[in-house]
Amino acid sequence: MPLIGNEHENQPNGIAFSLTDYLELVDDTGRIIRNDKRGAISENSAKLLTRLNIPHGNWLKLTTEFGKLFHGPVGTLQELTGYCEHLEKRRHFAASSQHLHSN
């Protein structure tokens, strides 16, 4: 999904933060994850996660354990349903989606 500031006609507005905000969040996250770096989620990044309704703990778990948490398509329940309908497959990963999006 595009970031705000890169809109085109007939496209969604994108997610509600700028490229600069995204890069700051990535930098903050990297500093937490790396053993040889000191860091924490900045106030600006914390506000961004709040706007996106992603709890701090969930963000760190998603960024460090993504491959363990998901073994197939990833998205909202609505997006996953559309994906399965398109491929004519059964939806078996709804519980993970609902759990992560309900916090």
C-alpha atoms as a PDB file:
ATOM      1  CA  MET A   1       0.000   0.000   0.000  1.00  0.00           C
ATOM      2  CA  PRO A   2       1.394   3.457  -0.846  1.00  0.00           C
ATOM      3  CA  LEU A   3       2.364   5.966   1.797  1.00  0.00           C
ATOM      4  CA  ILE A   4       0.626   9.333   2.062  1.00  0.00           C
ATOM      5  CA  GLY A   5       2.277  11.901  -0.164  1.00  0.00           C
ATOM      6  CA  ASN A   6       2.284   9.647  -3.232  1.00  0.00           C
ATOM      7  CA  GLU A   7      -1.397   9.830  -4.203  1.00  0.00           C
ATOM      8  CA  HIS A   8      -2.655   9.419  -7.735  1.00  0.00           C
ATOM      9  CA  GLU A   9      -6.149   9.784  -9.132  1.00  0.00           C
ATOM     10  CA  ASN A  10      -8.432   6.792  -8.594  1.00  0.00           C
ATOM     11  CA  GLN A  11      -6.093   5.186  -6.053  1.00  0.00           C
ATOM     12  CA  PRO A  12      -6.585   4.805  -2.314  1.00  0.00           C
ATOM     13  CA  ASN A  13      -4.946   7.498  -0.210  1.00  0.00           C
ATOM     14  CA  GLY A  14      -2.583   5.001   1.358  1.00  0.00           C
ATOM     15  CA  ILE A  15      -1.715   4.400   4.956  1.00  0.00           C
ATOM     16  CA  ALA A  16      -1.814   7.342   7.304  1.00  0.00           C
ATOM     17  CA  PHE A  17       1.855   8.239   7.659  1.00  0.00           C
ATOM     18  CA  SER A  18       4.689   9.689   5.645  1.00  0.00           C
ATOM     19  CA  LEU A  19       7.821   8.020   4.339  1.00  0.00           C
ATOM     20  CA  THR A  20       9.847   9.910   6.970  1.00  0.00           C
ATOM     21  CA  ASP A  21       7.640   8.522   9.763  1.00  0.00           C
ATOM     22  CA  TYR A  22       7.993   5.020   8.317  1.00  0.00           C
ATOM     23  CA  LEU A  23      11.780   5.277   8.109  1.00  0.00           C
ATOM     24  CA  GLU A  24      11.939   6.509  11.714  1.00  0.00           C
ATOM     25  CA  LEU A  25       9.844   3.523  12.834  1.00  0.00           C
ATOM     26  CA  VAL A  26      12.107   1.136  10.900  1.00  0.00           C
ATOM     27  CA  ASP A  27      15.206   2.723  12.462  1.00  0.00           C
ATOM     28  CA  ASP A  28      13.710   2.601  15.975  1.00  0.00           C
ATOM     29  CA  THR A  29      12.715  -1.034  15.470  1.00  0.00           C
ATOM     30  CA  GLY A  30      16.156  -1.991  14.196  1.00  0.00           C
ATOM     31  CA  ARG A  31      17.821  -0.373  17.196  1.00  0.00           C
ATOM     32  CA  ILE A  32      15.633  -2.427  19.541  1.00  0.00           C
ATOM     33  CA  ILE A  33      16.174  -5.704  17.700  1.00  0.00           C
ATOM     34  CA  ARG A  34      19.945  -5.434  17.225  1.00  0.00           C
ATOM     35  CA  ASN A  35      21.992  -6.511  20.243  1.00  0.00           C
ATOM     36  CA  ASP A  36      24.812  -4.116  19.362  1.00  0.00           C
ATOM     37  CA  LYS A  37      22.513  -1.046  19.225  1.00  0.00           C
ATOM     38  CA  ARG A  38      20.725   0.895  21.929  1.00  0.00           C
ATOM     39  CA  GLY A  39      17.288   2.171  21.231  1.00  0.00           C
ATOM     40  CA  ALA A  40      13.597   2.342  21.909  1.00  0.00           C
ATOM     41  CA  ILE A  41      10.437   3.283  20.073  1.00  0.00           C
ATOM     42  CA  SER A  42      10.452   7.093  19.895  1.00  0.00           C
ATOM     43  CA  GLU A  43       7.453   9.189  20.858  1.00  0.00           C
ATOM     44  CA  ASN A  44       6.756   9.867  17.172  1.00  0.00           C
ATOM     45  CA  SER A  45       6.890   6.156  16.289  1.00  0.00           C
ATOM     46  CA  ALA A  46       4.707   5.288  19.294  1.00  0.00           C
ATOM     47  CA  LYS A  47       2.086   7.780  18.061  1.00  0.00           C
ATOM     48  CA  LEU A  48       2.277   6.225  14.595  1.00  0.00           C
ATOM     49  CA  LEU A  49       1.674   2.737  16.006  1.00  0.00           C
ATOM     50  CA  THR A  50      -1.258   4.103  18.028  1.00  0.00           C
ATOM     51  CA  ARG A  51      -2.766   5.671  14.878  1.00  0.00           C
ATOM     52  CA  LEU A  52      -2.407   2.303  13.141  1.00  0.00           C
ATOM     53  CA  ASN A  53      -3.917   0.542  16.193  1.00  0.00           C
ATOM     54  CA  ILE A  54      -0.868  -1.707  16.599  1.00  0.00           C
ATOM     55  CA  PRO A  55       0.196  -2.266  20.210  1.00  0.00           C
ATOM     56  CA  HIS A  56       3.945  -1.848  20.791  1.00  0.00           C
ATOM     57  CA  GLY A  57       4.369  -5.484  21.832  1.00  0.00           C
ATOM     58  CA  ASN A  58       2.519  -6.730  18.752  1.00  0.00           C
ATOM     59  CA  TRP A  59       4.737  -4.577  16.501  1.00  0.00           C
ATOM     60  CA  LEU A  60       7.912  -6.056  17.935  1.00  0.00           C
ATOM     61  CA  LYS A  61       6.522  -9.603  17.759  1.00  0.00           C
ATOM     62  CA  LEU A  62       5.440  -9.111  14.136  1.00  0.00           C
ATOM     63  CA  THR A  63       8.799  -7.688  13.109  1.00  0.00           C
ATOM     64  CA  THR A  64      10.882 -10.351  14.842  1.00  0.00           C
ATOM     65  CA  GLU A  65       8.710 -13.457  14.398  1.00  0.00           C
ATOM     66  CA  PHE A  66       6.799 -12.802  11.166  1.00  0.00           C
ATOM     67  CA  GLY A  67       7.863 -16.068   9.515  1.00  0.00           C
ATOM     68  CA  LYS A  68       6.871 -18.075  12.593  1.00  0.00           C
ATOM     69  CA  LEU A  69       3.486 -16.363  12.895  1.00  0.00           C
ATOM     70  CA  PHE A  70       2.443 -16.585   9.240  1.00  0.00           C
ATOM     71  CA  HIS A  71       2.888 -19.465   6.842  1.00  0.00           C
ATOM     72  CA  GLY A  72       0.626 -18.189   4.092  1.00  0.00           C
ATOM     73  CA  PRO A  73      -1.108 -15.013   2.980  1.00  0.00           C
ATOM     74  CA  VAL A  74      -1.311 -12.099   5.412  1.00  0.00           C
ATOM     75  CA  GLY A  75      -3.955  -9.372   5.716  1.00  0.00           C
ATOM     76  CA  THR A  76      -7.264  -8.411   7.239  1.00  0.00           C
ATOM     77  CA  LEU A  77     -10.014 -11.008   7.432  1.00  0.00           C
ATOM     78  CA  GLN A  78     -11.778  -9.287   4.525  1.00  0.00           C
ATOM     79  CA  GLU A  79      -8.621  -9.330   2.375  1.00  0.00           C
ATOM     80  CA  LEU A  80      -7.929 -12.980   3.212  1.00  0.00           C
ATOM     81  CA  THR A  81     -11.501 -13.935   2.349  1.00  0.00           C
ATOM     82  CA  GLY A  82     -11.179 -12.226  -1.048  1.00  0.00           C
ATOM     83  CA  TYR A  83      -7.841 -13.935  -1.633  1.00  0.00           C
ATOM     84  CA  CYS A  84      -9.322 -17.370  -0.905  1.00  0.00           C
ATOM     85  CA  GLU A  85     -12.379 -16.742  -3.066  1.00  0.00           C
ATOM     86  CA  HIS A  86     -10.114 -15.698  -5.934  1.00  0.00           C
ATOM     87  CA  LEU A  87      -8.065 -18.903  -5.632  1.00  0.00           C
ATOM     88  CA  GLU A  88     -11.142 -21.009  -4.771  1.00  0.00           C
ATOM     89  CA  LYS A  89      -9.471 -22.182  -1.558  1.00  0.00           C
ATOM     90  CA  ARG A  90     -10.742 -22.678   1.979  1.00  0.00           C
ATOM     91  CA  ARG A  91      -9.952 -19.957   4.506  1.00  0.00           C
ATOM     92  CA  HIS A  92      -8.066 -21.637   7.374  1.00  0.00           C
ATOM     93  CA  PHE A  93      -6.098 -18.712   8.807  1.00  0.00           C
ATOM     94  CA  ALA A  94      -8.947 -16.482  10.025  1.00  0.00           C
ATOM     95  CA  ALA A  95      -8.129 -16.980  13.719  1.00  0.00           C
ATOM     96  CA  SER A  96      -4.634 -15.474  13.340  1.00  0.00           C
ATOM     97  CA  SER A  97      -5.984 -12.487  11.459  1.00  0.00           C
ATOM     98  CA  GLN A  98      -8.755 -11.832  13.967  1.00  0.00           C
ATOM     99  CA  HIS A  99      -6.363 -12.184  16.919  1.00  0.00           C
ATOM    100  CA  LEU A 100      -3.784  -9.743  15.559  1.00  0.00           C
ATOM    101  CA  HIS A 101      -6.328  -7.175  14.377  1.00  0.00           C
ATOM    102  CA  SER A 102      -8.419  -7.273  17.564  1.00  0.00           C
ATOM    103  CA  ASN A 103      -5.679  -6.075  19.954  1.00  0.00           C
END
